[in-house]
Amino acid sequence: ILASDAMSPDLCISALASANSKRELASSAPYAVFGLEYARECWAAATLVQSQTSLVGEGACNLACKGETGVMCGGRGMYNYYVATAFTGTGTLGVDGTRTSGVVRTTGTVA
């Protein structure tokens, strides 16, 4: 949904909220999962796709976010993924302790 040299999880969440607002207007199900790949790409899906690789965990995602040093934004063909657990009525996500209250950060890989 977005590629940017300023990519960070927060930027991806913002793009996800915008995309979900448009989906809500079209009466489509909201994106509940988003992933960061190649240090600068944000992807979204309605559901988490089953991993197609045995390479999982922290080592699989080895590229720092272009816009937030020290935070991993996937790898080559690998995603740091996040799962939304709640949405507001406007298609936006709430914020919890570290990133978003509506989003649970789970590092994993989806190829």
PDB file of N, CA and C in Angstrom:
ATOM      1  N   ILE A   1       0.807  -1.199   0.000  1.00  0.00           N
ATOM      2  CA  ILE A   1       0.000   0.000   0.000  1.00  0.00           C
ATOM      3  C   ILE A   1       0.850   1.262   0.000  1.00  0.00           C
ATOM      4  N   LEU A   2       2.168   1.112   0.349  1.00  0.00           N
ATOM      5  CA  LEU A   2       3.033   2.284   0.372  1.00  0.00           C
ATOM      6  C   LEU A   2       4.487   1.856   0.302  1.00  0.00           C
ATOM      7  N   ALA A   3       5.274   2.594  -0.457  1.00  0.00           N
ATOM      8  CA  ALA A   3       6.730   2.429  -0.467  1.00  0.00           C
ATOM      9  C   ALA A   3       7.325   3.802  -0.199  1.00  0.00           C
ATOM     10  N   SER A   4       8.262   3.877   0.755  1.00  0.00           N
ATOM     11  CA  SER A   4       8.816   5.171   1.130  1.00  0.00           C
ATOM     12  C   SER A   4      10.181   5.001   1.777  1.00  0.00           C
ATOM     13  N   ASP A   5      11.081   5.926   1.494  1.00  0.00           N
ATOM     14  CA  ASP A   5      12.380   5.935   2.159  1.00  0.00           C
ATOM     15  C   ASP A   5      12.269   6.473   3.583  1.00  0.00           C
ATOM     16  N   ALA A   6      11.078   6.856   4.002  1.00  0.00           N
ATOM     17  CA  ALA A   6      10.824   7.283   5.372  1.00  0.00           C
ATOM     18  C   ALA A   6      10.049   6.198   6.133  1.00  0.00           C
ATOM     19  N   MET A   7      10.046   4.963   5.612  1.00  0.00           N
ATOM     20  CA  MET A   7       9.215   3.895   6.172  1.00  0.00           C
ATOM     21  C   MET A   7       9.564   3.595   7.625  1.00  0.00           C
ATOM     22  N   SER A   8       8.507   3.414   8.406  1.00  0.00           N
ATOM     23  CA  SER A   8       8.568   2.982   9.800  1.00  0.00           C
ATOM     24  C   SER A   8       7.245   2.275  10.085  1.00  0.00           C
ATOM     25  N   PRO A   9       7.171   1.528  11.185  1.00  0.00           N
ATOM     26  CA  PRO A   9       5.878   0.920  11.508  1.00  0.00           C
ATOM     27  C   PRO A   9       4.762   1.960  11.643  1.00  0.00           C
ATOM     28  N   ASP A  10       5.060   3.110  12.222  1.00  0.00           N
ATOM     29  CA  ASP A  10       4.029   4.134  12.381  1.00  0.00           C
ATOM     30  C   ASP A  10       3.554   4.675  11.033  1.00  0.00           C
ATOM     31  N   LEU A  11       4.462   4.863  10.085  1.00  0.00           N
ATOM     32  CA  LEU A  11       4.072   5.330   8.754  1.00  0.00           C
ATOM     33  C   LEU A  11       3.195   4.293   8.071  1.00  0.00           C
ATOM     34  N   CYS A  12       3.524   3.028   8.233  1.00  0.00           N
ATOM     35  CA  CYS A  12       2.731   1.950   7.649  1.00  0.00           C
ATOM     36  C   CYS A  12       1.344   1.898   8.294  1.00  0.00           C
ATOM     37  N   ILE A  13       1.275   2.103   9.610  1.00  0.00           N
ATOM     38  CA  ILE A  13      -0.014   2.115  10.302  1.00  0.00           C
ATOM     39  C   ILE A  13      -0.872   3.258   9.782  1.00  0.00           C
ATOM     40  N   SER A  14      -0.263   4.395   9.544  1.00  0.00           N
ATOM     41  CA  SER A  14      -0.987   5.544   8.994  1.00  0.00           C
ATOM     42  C   SER A  14      -1.532   5.223   7.597  1.00  0.00           C
ATOM     43  N   ALA A  15      -0.708   4.604   6.767  1.00  0.00           N
ATOM     44  CA  ALA A  15      -1.146   4.215   5.427  1.00  0.00           C
ATOM     45  C   ALA A  15      -2.266   3.175   5.508  1.00  0.00           C
ATOM     46  N   LEU A  16      -2.157   2.261   6.463  1.00  0.00           N
ATOM     47  CA  LEU A  16      -3.183   1.236   6.656  1.00  0.00           C
ATOM     48  C   LEU A  16      -4.506   1.884   7.059  1.00  0.00           C
ATOM     49  N   ALA A  17      -4.451   2.852   7.965  1.00  0.00           N
ATOM     50  CA  ALA A  17      -5.668   3.539   8.398  1.00  0.00           C
ATOM     51  C   ALA A  17      -6.330   4.244   7.218  1.00  0.00           C
ATOM     52  N   SER A  18      -5.530   4.883   6.385  1.00  0.00           N
ATOM     53  CA  SER A  18      -6.065   5.565   5.205  1.00  0.00           C
ATOM     54  C   SER A  18      -6.700   4.566   4.241  1.00  0.00           C
ATOM     55  N   ALA A  19      -6.010   3.461   4.002  1.00  0.00           N
ATOM     56  CA  ALA A  19      -6.540   2.427   3.104  1.00  0.00           C
ATOM     57  C   ALA A  19      -7.834   1.843   3.668  1.00  0.00           C
ATOM     58  N   ASN A  20      -7.876   1.637   4.991  1.00  0.00           N
ATOM     59  CA  ASN A  20      -9.084   1.073   5.599  1.00  0.00           C
ATOM     60  C   ASN A  20     -10.258   2.034   5.536  1.00  0.00           C
ATOM     61  N   SER A  21      -9.999   3.330   5.611  1.00  0.00           N
ATOM     62  CA  SER A  21     -11.084   4.313   5.463  1.00  0.00           C
ATOM     63  C   SER A  21     -11.717   4.194   4.088  1.00  0.00           C
ATOM     64  N   LYS A  22     -10.898   4.018   3.062  1.00  0.00           N
ATOM     65  CA  LYS A  22     -11.408   3.857   1.702  1.00  0.00           C
ATOM     66  C   LYS A  22     -12.161   2.542   1.554  1.00  0.00           C
ATOM     67  N   ARG A  23     -11.644   1.487   2.186  1.00  0.00           N
ATOM     68  CA  ARG A  23     -12.311   0.187   2.116  1.00  0.00           C
ATOM     69  C   ARG A  23     -13.658   0.243   2.834  1.00  0.00           C
ATOM     70  N   GLU A  24     -13.723   0.983   3.938  1.00  0.00           N
ATOM     71  CA  GLU A  24     -14.976   1.121   4.682  1.00  0.00           C
ATOM     72  C   GLU A  24     -16.032   1.802   3.816  1.00  0.00           C
ATOM     73  N   LEU A  25     -15.644   2.839   3.088  1.00  0.00           N
ATOM     74  CA  LEU A  25     -16.575   3.535   2.199  1.00  0.00           C
ATOM     75  C   LEU A  25     -17.084   2.611   1.097  1.00  0.00           C
ATOM     76  N   ALA A  26     -16.258   1.660   0.691  1.00  0.00           N
ATOM     77  CA  ALA A  26     -16.640   0.714  -0.353  1.00  0.00           C
ATOM     78  C   ALA A  26     -17.299  -0.540   0.229  1.00  0.00           C
ATOM     79  N   SER A  27     -17.565  -0.522   1.536  1.00  0.00           N
ATOM     80  CA  SER A  27     -18.167  -1.665   2.246  1.00  0.00           C
ATOM     81  C   SER A  27     -17.327  -2.929   2.125  1.00  0.00           C
ATOM     82  N   SER A  28     -16.001  -2.761   2.092  1.00  0.00           N
ATOM     83  CA  SER A  28     -15.085  -3.899   2.052  1.00  0.00           C
ATOM     84  C   SER A  28     -14.562  -4.173   3.458  1.00  0.00           C
ATOM     85  N   ALA A  29     -14.181  -5.413   3.704  1.00  0.00           N
ATOM     86  CA  ALA A  29     -13.597  -5.760   4.998  1.00  0.00           C
ATOM     87  C   ALA A  29     -12.280  -5.012   5.182  1.00  0.00           C
ATOM     88  N   PRO A  30     -11.997  -4.559   6.403  1.00  0.00           N
ATOM     89  CA  PRO A  30     -10.749  -3.822   6.623  1.00  0.00           C
ATOM     90  C   PRO A  30      -9.531  -4.735   6.533  1.00  0.00           C
ATOM     91  N   TYR A  31      -8.412  -4.123   6.184  1.00  0.00           N
ATOM     92  CA  TYR A  31      -7.145  -4.845   6.264  1.00  0.00           C
ATOM     93  C   TYR A  31      -6.860  -5.067   7.746  1.00  0.00           C
ATOM     94  N   ALA A  32      -6.612  -6.284   8.139  1.00  0.00           N
ATOM     95  CA  ALA A  32      -6.335  -6.599   9.539  1.00  0.00           C
ATOM     96  C   ALA A  32      -4.870  -6.931   9.775  1.00  0.00           C
ATOM     97  N   VAL A  33      -4.112  -7.129   8.709  1.00  0.00           N
ATOM     98  CA  VAL A  33      -2.710  -7.505   8.817  1.00  0.00           C
ATOM     99  C   VAL A  33      -1.893  -6.583   7.932  1.00  0.00           C
ATOM    100  N   PHE A  34      -0.747  -6.129   8.438  1.00  0.00           N
ATOM    101  CA  PHE A  34       0.172  -5.424   7.556  1.00  0.00           C
ATOM    102  C   PHE A  34       1.579  -5.889   7.829  1.00  0.00           C
ATOM    103  N   GLY A  35       2.402  -5.768   6.821  1.00  0.00           N
ATOM    104  CA  GLY A  35       3.779  -6.218   6.934  1.00  0.00           C
ATOM    105  C   GLY A  35       4.733  -5.224   6.314  1.00  0.00           C
ATOM    106  N   LEU A  36       5.934  -5.221   6.844  1.00  0.00           N
ATOM    107  CA  LEU A  36       7.001  -4.358   6.351  1.00  0.00           C
ATOM    108  C   LEU A  36       8.049  -5.243   5.680  1.00  0.00           C
ATOM    109  N   GLU A  37       8.447  -4.862   4.472  1.00  0.00           N
ATOM    110  CA  GLU A  37       9.383  -5.664   3.685  1.00  0.00           C
ATOM    111  C   GLU A  37      10.412  -4.747   3.021  1.00  0.00           C
ATOM    112  N   TYR A  38      11.604  -5.272   2.783  1.00  0.00           N
ATOM    113  CA  TYR A  38      12.665  -4.561   2.050  1.00  0.00           C
ATOM    114  C   TYR A  38      13.023  -3.202   2.644  1.00  0.00           C
ATOM    115  N   ALA A  39      12.793  -2.997   3.939  1.00  0.00           N
ATOM    116  CA  ALA A  39      13.156  -1.777   4.664  1.00  0.00           C
ATOM    117  C   ALA A  39      12.336  -0.548   4.295  1.00  0.00           C
ATOM    118  N   ARG A  40      11.507  -0.638   3.228  1.00  0.00           N
ATOM    119  CA  ARG A  40      10.793   0.566   2.781  1.00  0.00           C
ATOM    120  C   ARG A  40       9.400   0.297   2.233  1.00  0.00           C
ATOM    121  N   GLU A  41       8.913  -0.932   2.315  1.00  0.00           N
ATOM    122  CA  GLU A  41       7.614  -1.263   1.737  1.00  0.00           C
ATOM    123  C   GLU A  41       6.617  -1.687   2.813  1.00  0.00           C
ATOM    124  N   CYS A  42       5.381  -1.210   2.656  1.00  0.00           N
ATOM    125  CA  CYS A  42       4.277  -1.543   3.555  1.00  0.00           C
ATOM    126  C   CYS A  42       3.221  -2.280   2.748  1.00  0.00           C
ATOM    127  N   TRP A  43       2.859  -3.468   3.193  1.00  0.00           N
ATOM    128  CA  TRP A  43       1.855  -4.293   2.526  1.00  0.00           C
ATOM    129  C   TRP A  43       0.708  -4.559   3.486  1.00  0.00           C
ATOM    130  N   ALA A  44      -0.471  -4.836   2.970  1.00  0.00           N
ATOM    131  CA  ALA A  44      -1.630  -5.106   3.820  1.00  0.00           C
ATOM    132  C   ALA A  44      -2.467  -6.244   3.246  1.00  0.00           C
ATOM    133  N   ALA A  45      -3.186  -6.919   4.140  1.00  0.00           N
ATOM    134  CA  ALA A  45      -4.067  -8.016   3.740  1.00  0.00           C
ATOM    135  C   ALA A  45      -5.199  -8.139   4.750  1.00  0.00           C
ATOM    136  N   ALA A  46      -6.267  -8.756   4.325  1.00  0.00           N
ATOM    137  CA  ALA A  46      -7.396  -8.967   5.226  1.00  0.00           C
ATOM    138  C   ALA A  46      -7.092 -10.057   6.254  1.00  0.00           C
ATOM    139  N   THR A  47      -6.280 -11.043   5.865  1.00  0.00           N
ATOM    140  CA  THR A  47      -5.898 -12.121   6.768  1.00  0.00           C
ATOM    141  C   THR A  47      -4.420 -12.441   6.586  1.00  0.00           C
ATOM    142  N   LEU A  48      -3.844 -13.087   7.570  1.00  0.00           N
ATOM    143  CA  LEU A  48      -2.444 -13.480   7.506  1.00  0.00           C
ATOM    144  C   LEU A  48      -2.301 -14.687   6.593  1.00  0.00           C
ATOM    145  N   VAL A  49      -1.379 -14.592   5.657  1.00  0.00           N
ATOM    146  CA  VAL A  49      -1.119 -15.682   4.720  1.00  0.00           C
ATOM    147  C   VAL A  49      -0.188 -16.682   5.395  1.00  0.00           C
ATOM    148  N   GLN A  50      -0.416 -17.947   5.168  1.00  0.00           N
ATOM    149  CA  GLN A  50       0.440 -18.979   5.730  1.00  0.00           C
ATOM    150  C   GLN A  50       1.854 -18.831   5.198  1.00  0.00           C
ATOM    151  N   SER A  51       2.822 -18.927   6.080  1.00  0.00           N
ATOM    152  CA  SER A  51       4.226 -18.807   5.687  1.00  0.00           C
ATOM    153  C   SER A  51       4.610 -19.907   4.703  1.00  0.00           C
ATOM    154  N   GLN A  52       5.386 -19.532   3.713  1.00  0.00           N
ATOM    155  CA  GLN A  52       5.841 -20.485   2.704  1.00  0.00           C
ATOM    156  C   GLN A  52       7.313 -20.828   2.889  1.00  0.00           C
ATOM    157  N   THR A  53       7.873 -20.493   4.045  1.00  0.00           N
ATOM    158  CA  THR A  53       9.289 -20.708   4.276  1.00  0.00           C
ATOM    159  C   THR A  53       9.507 -21.279   5.664  1.00  0.00           C
ATOM    160  N   SER A  54      10.622 -21.961   5.845  1.00  0.00           N
ATOM    161  CA  SER A  54      10.967 -22.463   7.171  1.00  0.00           C
ATOM    162  C   SER A  54      11.843 -21.455   7.910  1.00  0.00           C
ATOM    163  N   LEU A  55      12.271 -20.389   7.232  1.00  0.00           N
ATOM    164  CA  LEU A  55      13.079 -19.354   7.854  1.00  0.00           C
ATOM    165  C   LEU A  55      12.150 -18.403   8.589  1.00  0.00           C
ATOM    166  N   VAL A  56      12.190 -18.442   9.921  1.00  0.00           N
ATOM    167  CA  VAL A  56      11.292 -17.611  10.724  1.00  0.00           C
ATOM    168  C   VAL A  56      12.063 -16.961  11.866  1.00  0.00           C
ATOM    169  N   GLY A  57      11.415 -16.042  12.533  1.00  0.00           N
ATOM    170  CA  GLY A  57      11.994 -15.407  13.709  1.00  0.00           C
ATOM    171  C   GLY A  57      12.787 -14.163  13.384  1.00  0.00           C
ATOM    172  N   GLU A  58      13.432 -13.631  14.405  1.00  0.00           N
ATOM    173  CA  GLU A  58      14.162 -12.377  14.289  1.00  0.00           C
ATOM    174  C   GLU A  58      15.201 -12.374  13.175  1.00  0.00           C
ATOM    175  N   GLY A  59      15.901 -13.477  12.957  1.00  0.00           N
ATOM    176  CA  GLY A  59      16.952 -13.527  11.950  1.00  0.00           C
ATOM    177  C   GLY A  59      16.460 -13.424  10.524  1.00  0.00           C
ATOM    178  N   ALA A  60      15.201 -13.746  10.292  1.00  0.00           N
ATOM    179  CA  ALA A  60      14.657 -13.709   8.937  1.00  0.00           C
ATOM    180  C   ALA A  60      14.448 -12.280   8.452  1.00  0.00           C
ATOM    181  N   CYS A  61      14.155 -11.391   9.368  1.00  0.00           N
ATOM    182  CA  CYS A  61      13.917  -9.989   9.032  1.00  0.00           C
ATOM    183  C   CYS A  61      15.139  -9.201   9.470  1.00  0.00           C
ATOM    184  N   ASN A  62      15.977  -8.866   8.505  1.00  0.00           N
ATOM    185  CA  ASN A  62      17.280  -8.304   8.851  1.00  0.00           C
ATOM    186  C   ASN A  62      17.568  -6.939   8.235  1.00  0.00           C
ATOM    187  N   LEU A  63      16.536  -6.242   7.770  1.00  0.00           N
ATOM    188  CA  LEU A  63      16.728  -4.915   7.200  1.00  0.00           C
ATOM    189  C   LEU A  63      16.076  -3.866   8.104  1.00  0.00           C
ATOM    190  N   ALA A  64      16.860  -2.881   8.512  1.00  0.00           N
ATOM    191  CA  ALA A  64      16.331  -1.800   9.342  1.00  0.00           C
ATOM    192  C   ALA A  64      15.418  -0.912   8.517  1.00  0.00           C
ATOM    193  N   CYS A  65      14.404  -0.367   9.155  1.00  0.00           N
ATOM    194  CA  CYS A  65      13.493   0.555   8.486  1.00  0.00           C
ATOM    195  C   CYS A  65      14.266   1.772   7.991  1.00  0.00           C
ATOM    196  N   LYS A  66      13.948   2.211   6.792  1.00  0.00           N
ATOM    197  CA  LYS A  66      14.591   3.398   6.223  1.00  0.00           C
ATOM    198  C   LYS A  66      14.306   4.631   7.061  1.00  0.00           C
ATOM    199  N   GLY A  67      13.126   4.689   7.667  1.00  0.00           N
ATOM    200  CA  GLY A  67      12.738   5.881   8.406  1.00  0.00           C
ATOM    201  C   GLY A  67      12.841   5.756   9.916  1.00  0.00           C
ATOM    202  N   GLU A  68      13.285   4.604  10.426  1.00  0.00           N
ATOM    203  CA  GLU A  68      13.401   4.428  11.877  1.00  0.00           C
ATOM    204  C   GLU A  68      14.526   3.441  12.175  1.00  0.00           C
ATOM    205  N   THR A  69      15.711   3.961  12.296  1.00  0.00           N
ATOM    206  CA  THR A  69      16.889   3.143  12.567  1.00  0.00           C
ATOM    207  C   THR A  69      16.685   2.342  13.847  1.00  0.00           C
ATOM    208  N   GLY A  70      17.113   1.101  13.827  1.00  0.00           N
ATOM    209  CA  GLY A  70      16.999   0.246  15.000  1.00  0.00           C
ATOM    210  C   GLY A  70      15.727  -0.583  15.038  1.00  0.00           C
ATOM    211  N   VAL A  71      14.816  -0.338  14.112  1.00  0.00           N
ATOM    212  CA  VAL A  71      13.578  -1.117  14.017  1.00  0.00           C
ATOM    213  C   VAL A  71      13.643  -1.904  12.712  1.00  0.00           C
ATOM    214  N   MET A  72      13.343  -3.185  12.781  1.00  0.00           N
ATOM    215  CA  MET A  72      13.410  -4.016  11.587  1.00  0.00           C
ATOM    216  C   MET A  72      12.169  -3.852  10.723  1.00  0.00           C
ATOM    217  N   CYS A  73      12.410  -3.756   9.425  1.00  0.00           N
ATOM    218  CA  CYS A  73      11.327  -3.651   8.437  1.00  0.00           C
ATOM    219  C   CYS A  73      11.488  -4.766   7.413  1.00  0.00           C
ATOM    220  N   GLY A  74      11.424  -5.985   7.888  1.00  0.00           N
ATOM    221  CA  GLY A  74      11.458  -7.133   6.999  1.00  0.00           C
ATOM    222  C   GLY A  74      12.833  -7.492   6.498  1.00  0.00           C
ATOM    223  N   GLY A  75      12.829  -8.128   5.352  1.00  0.00           N
ATOM    224  CA  GLY A  75      14.044  -8.574   4.700  1.00  0.00           C
ATOM    225  C   GLY A  75      13.716  -8.832   3.243  1.00  0.00           C
ATOM    226  N   ARG A  76      14.581  -9.554   2.583  1.00  0.00           N
ATOM    227  CA  ARG A  76      14.335  -9.887   1.184  1.00  0.00           C
ATOM    228  C   ARG A  76      13.297 -11.005   1.108  1.00  0.00           C
ATOM    229  N   GLY A  77      12.092 -10.642   0.687  1.00  0.00           N
ATOM    230  CA  GLY A  77      11.011 -11.621   0.618  1.00  0.00           C
ATOM    231  C   GLY A  77      10.477 -12.022   1.983  1.00  0.00           C
ATOM    232  N   MET A  78      10.824 -11.278   3.033  1.00  0.00           N
ATOM    233  CA  MET A  78      10.373 -11.567   4.398  1.00  0.00           C
ATOM    234  C   MET A  78       9.706 -10.329   4.978  1.00  0.00           C
ATOM    235  N   TYR A  79       8.716 -10.540   5.853  1.00  0.00           N
ATOM    236  CA  TYR A  79       7.945  -9.441   6.417  1.00  0.00           C
ATOM    237  C   TYR A  79       7.994  -9.458   7.944  1.00  0.00           C
ATOM    238  N   ASN A  80       8.165  -8.290   8.540  1.00  0.00           N
ATOM    239  CA  ASN A  80       7.788  -8.117   9.936  1.00  0.00           C
ATOM    240  C   ASN A  80       6.304  -7.815   9.846  1.00  0.00           C
ATOM    241  N   TYR A  81       5.477  -8.623  10.478  1.00  0.00           N
ATOM    242  CA  TYR A  81       4.042  -8.403  10.330  1.00  0.00           C
ATOM    243  C   TYR A  81       3.392  -7.987  11.638  1.00  0.00           C
ATOM    244  N   TYR A  82       2.273  -7.309  11.502  1.00  0.00           N
ATOM    245  CA  TYR A  82       1.486  -6.804  12.612  1.00  0.00           C
ATOM    246  C   TYR A  82       0.048  -7.229  12.369  1.00  0.00           C
ATOM    247  N   VAL A  83      -0.672  -7.534  13.452  1.00  0.00           N
ATOM    248  CA  VAL A  83      -2.060  -7.964  13.335  1.00  0.00           C
ATOM    249  C   VAL A  83      -2.937  -6.996  14.113  1.00  0.00           C
ATOM    250  N   ALA A  84      -3.913  -6.401  13.434  1.00  0.00           N
ATOM    251  CA  ALA A  84      -4.846  -5.487  14.091  1.00  0.00           C
ATOM    252  C   ALA A  84      -5.855  -6.288  14.890  1.00  0.00           C
ATOM    253  N   THR A  85      -6.112  -5.852  16.095  1.00  0.00           N
ATOM    254  CA  THR A  85      -7.083  -6.543  16.939  1.00  0.00           C
ATOM    255  C   THR A  85      -8.346  -5.723  17.143  1.00  0.00           C
ATOM    256  N   ALA A  86      -8.308  -4.428  16.776  1.00  0.00           N
ATOM    257  CA  ALA A  86      -9.491  -3.573  16.929  1.00  0.00           C
ATOM    258  C   ALA A  86      -9.384  -2.394  15.980  1.00  0.00           C
ATOM    259  N   PHE A  87     -10.524  -1.928  15.519  1.00  0.00           N
ATOM    260  CA  PHE A  87     -10.589  -0.767  14.648  1.00  0.00           C
ATOM    261  C   PHE A  87     -11.588   0.209  15.233  1.00  0.00           C
ATOM    262  N   THR A  88     -11.392   1.494  14.983  1.00  0.00           N
ATOM    263  CA  THR A  88     -12.393   2.475  15.376  1.00  0.00           C
ATOM    264  C   THR A  88     -13.442   2.524  14.275  1.00  0.00           C
ATOM    265  N   GLY A  89     -14.504   3.235  14.505  1.00  0.00           N
ATOM    266  CA  GLY A  89     -15.556   3.344  13.507  1.00  0.00           C
ATOM    267  C   GLY A  89     -15.124   4.103  12.258  1.00  0.00           C
ATOM    268  N   THR A  90     -13.988   4.778  12.323  1.00  0.00           N
ATOM    269  CA  THR A  90     -13.548   5.552  11.173  1.00  0.00           C
ATOM    270  C   THR A  90     -12.487   4.818  10.359  1.00  0.00           C
ATOM    271  N   GLY A  91     -12.246   3.567  10.667  1.00  0.00           N
ATOM    272  CA  GLY A  91     -11.266   2.802   9.908  1.00  0.00           C
ATOM    273  C   GLY A  91      -9.845   3.030  10.355  1.00  0.00           C
ATOM    274  N   THR A  92      -9.676   3.748  11.481  1.00  0.00           N
ATOM    275  CA  THR A  92      -8.325   3.976  11.982  1.00  0.00           C
ATOM    276  C   THR A  92      -8.010   3.005  13.100  1.00  0.00           C
ATOM    277  N   LEU A  93      -6.750   2.940  13.464  1.00  0.00           N
ATOM    278  CA  LEU A  93      -6.303   2.043  14.514  1.00  0.00           C
ATOM    279  C   LEU A  93      -5.975   2.838  15.759  1.00  0.00           C
ATOM    280  N   GLY A  94      -6.241   2.280  16.931  1.00  0.00           N
ATOM    281  CA  GLY A  94      -5.863   2.930  18.176  1.00  0.00           C
ATOM    282  C   GLY A  94      -4.402   2.662  18.496  1.00  0.00           C
ATOM    283  N   VAL A  95      -3.891   3.288  19.554  1.00  0.00           N
ATOM    284  CA  VAL A  95      -2.473   3.124  19.886  1.00  0.00           C
ATOM    285  C   VAL A  95      -2.307   2.517  21.263  1.00  0.00           C
ATOM    286  N   ASP A  96      -1.463   1.487  21.381  1.00  0.00           N
ATOM    287  CA  ASP A  96      -1.183   0.859  22.681  1.00  0.00           C
ATOM    288  C   ASP A  96       0.247   1.127  23.074  1.00  0.00           C
ATOM    289  N   GLY A  97       0.640   0.747  24.233  1.00  0.00           N
ATOM    290  CA  GLY A  97       1.956   0.972  24.803  1.00  0.00           C
ATOM    291  C   GLY A  97       3.082   1.329  23.861  1.00  0.00           C
ATOM    292  N   THR A  98       3.436   0.492  22.930  1.00  0.00           N
ATOM    293  CA  THR A  98       4.575   0.783  22.086  1.00  0.00           C
ATOM    294  C   THR A  98       4.189   1.371  20.750  1.00  0.00           C
ATOM    295  N   ARG A  99       3.252   0.791  20.090  1.00  0.00           N
ATOM    296  CA  ARG A  99       2.858   1.286  18.769  1.00  0.00           C
ATOM    297  C   ARG A  99       1.367   1.563  18.713  1.00  0.00           C
ATOM    298  N   THR A 100       0.570   0.522  18.674  1.00  0.00           N
ATOM    299  CA  THR A 100      -0.861   0.745  18.542  1.00  0.00           C
ATOM    300  C   THR A 100      -1.660  -0.201  19.417  1.00  0.00           C
ATOM    301  N   SER A 101      -2.658   0.326  20.102  1.00  0.00           N
ATOM    302  CA  SER A 101      -3.481  -0.518  20.959  1.00  0.00           C
ATOM    303  C   SER A 101      -4.340  -1.422  20.111  1.00  0.00           C
ATOM    304  N   GLY A 102      -4.671  -0.997  18.924  1.00  0.00           N
ATOM    305  CA  GLY A 102      -5.445  -1.834  18.035  1.00  0.00           C
ATOM    306  C   GLY A 102      -4.579  -2.815  17.288  1.00  0.00           C
ATOM    307  N   VAL A 103      -3.266  -2.716  17.459  1.00  0.00           N
ATOM    308  CA  VAL A 103      -2.361  -3.579  16.707  1.00  0.00           C
ATOM    309  C   VAL A 103      -1.439  -4.299  17.671  1.00  0.00           C
ATOM    310  N   VAL A 104      -1.306  -5.579  17.483  1.00  0.00           N
ATOM    311  CA  VAL A 104      -0.373  -6.374  18.257  1.00  0.00           C
ATOM    312  C   VAL A 104       0.843  -6.597  17.386  1.00  0.00           C
ATOM    313  N   ARG A 105       2.000  -6.181  17.853  1.00  0.00           N
ATOM    314  CA  ARG A 105       3.201  -6.364  17.048  1.00  0.00           C
ATOM    315  C   ARG A 105       3.702  -7.769  17.231  1.00  0.00           C
ATOM    316  N   THR A 106       3.785  -8.488  16.157  1.00  0.00           N
ATOM    317  CA  THR A 106       4.288  -9.853  16.176  1.00  0.00           C
ATOM    318  C   THR A 106       5.321  -9.980  15.077  1.00  0.00           C
ATOM    319  N   THR A 107       6.555 -10.226  15.448  1.00  0.00           N
ATOM    320  CA  THR A 107       7.566 -10.396  14.421  1.00  0.00           C
ATOM    321  C   THR A 107       7.439 -11.794  13.865  1.00  0.00           C
ATOM    322  N   GLY A 108       7.388 -11.889  12.591  1.00  0.00           N
ATOM    323  CA  GLY A 108       7.287 -13.178  11.947  1.00  0.00           C
ATOM    324  C   GLY A 108       7.612 -13.032  10.482  1.00  0.00           C
ATOM    325  N   THR A 109       7.520 -14.101   9.770  1.00  0.00           N
ATOM    326  CA  THR A 109       7.834 -14.039   8.357  1.00  0.00           C
ATOM    327  C   THR A 109       6.692 -14.586   7.539  1.00  0.00           C
ATOM    328  N   VAL A 110       6.470 -13.967   6.463  1.00  0.00           N
ATOM    329  CA  VAL A 110       5.530 -14.448   5.465  1.00  0.00           C
ATOM    330  C   VAL A 110       6.248 -14.277   4.138  1.00  0.00           C
ATOM    331  N   ALA A 111       6.418 -15.341   3.423  1.00  0.00           N
ATOM    332  CA  ALA A 111       7.134 -15.244   2.145  1.00  0.00           C
ATOM    333  C   ALA A 111       6.157 -15.254   1.009  1.00  0.00           C
TER     334      ALA A 111
END
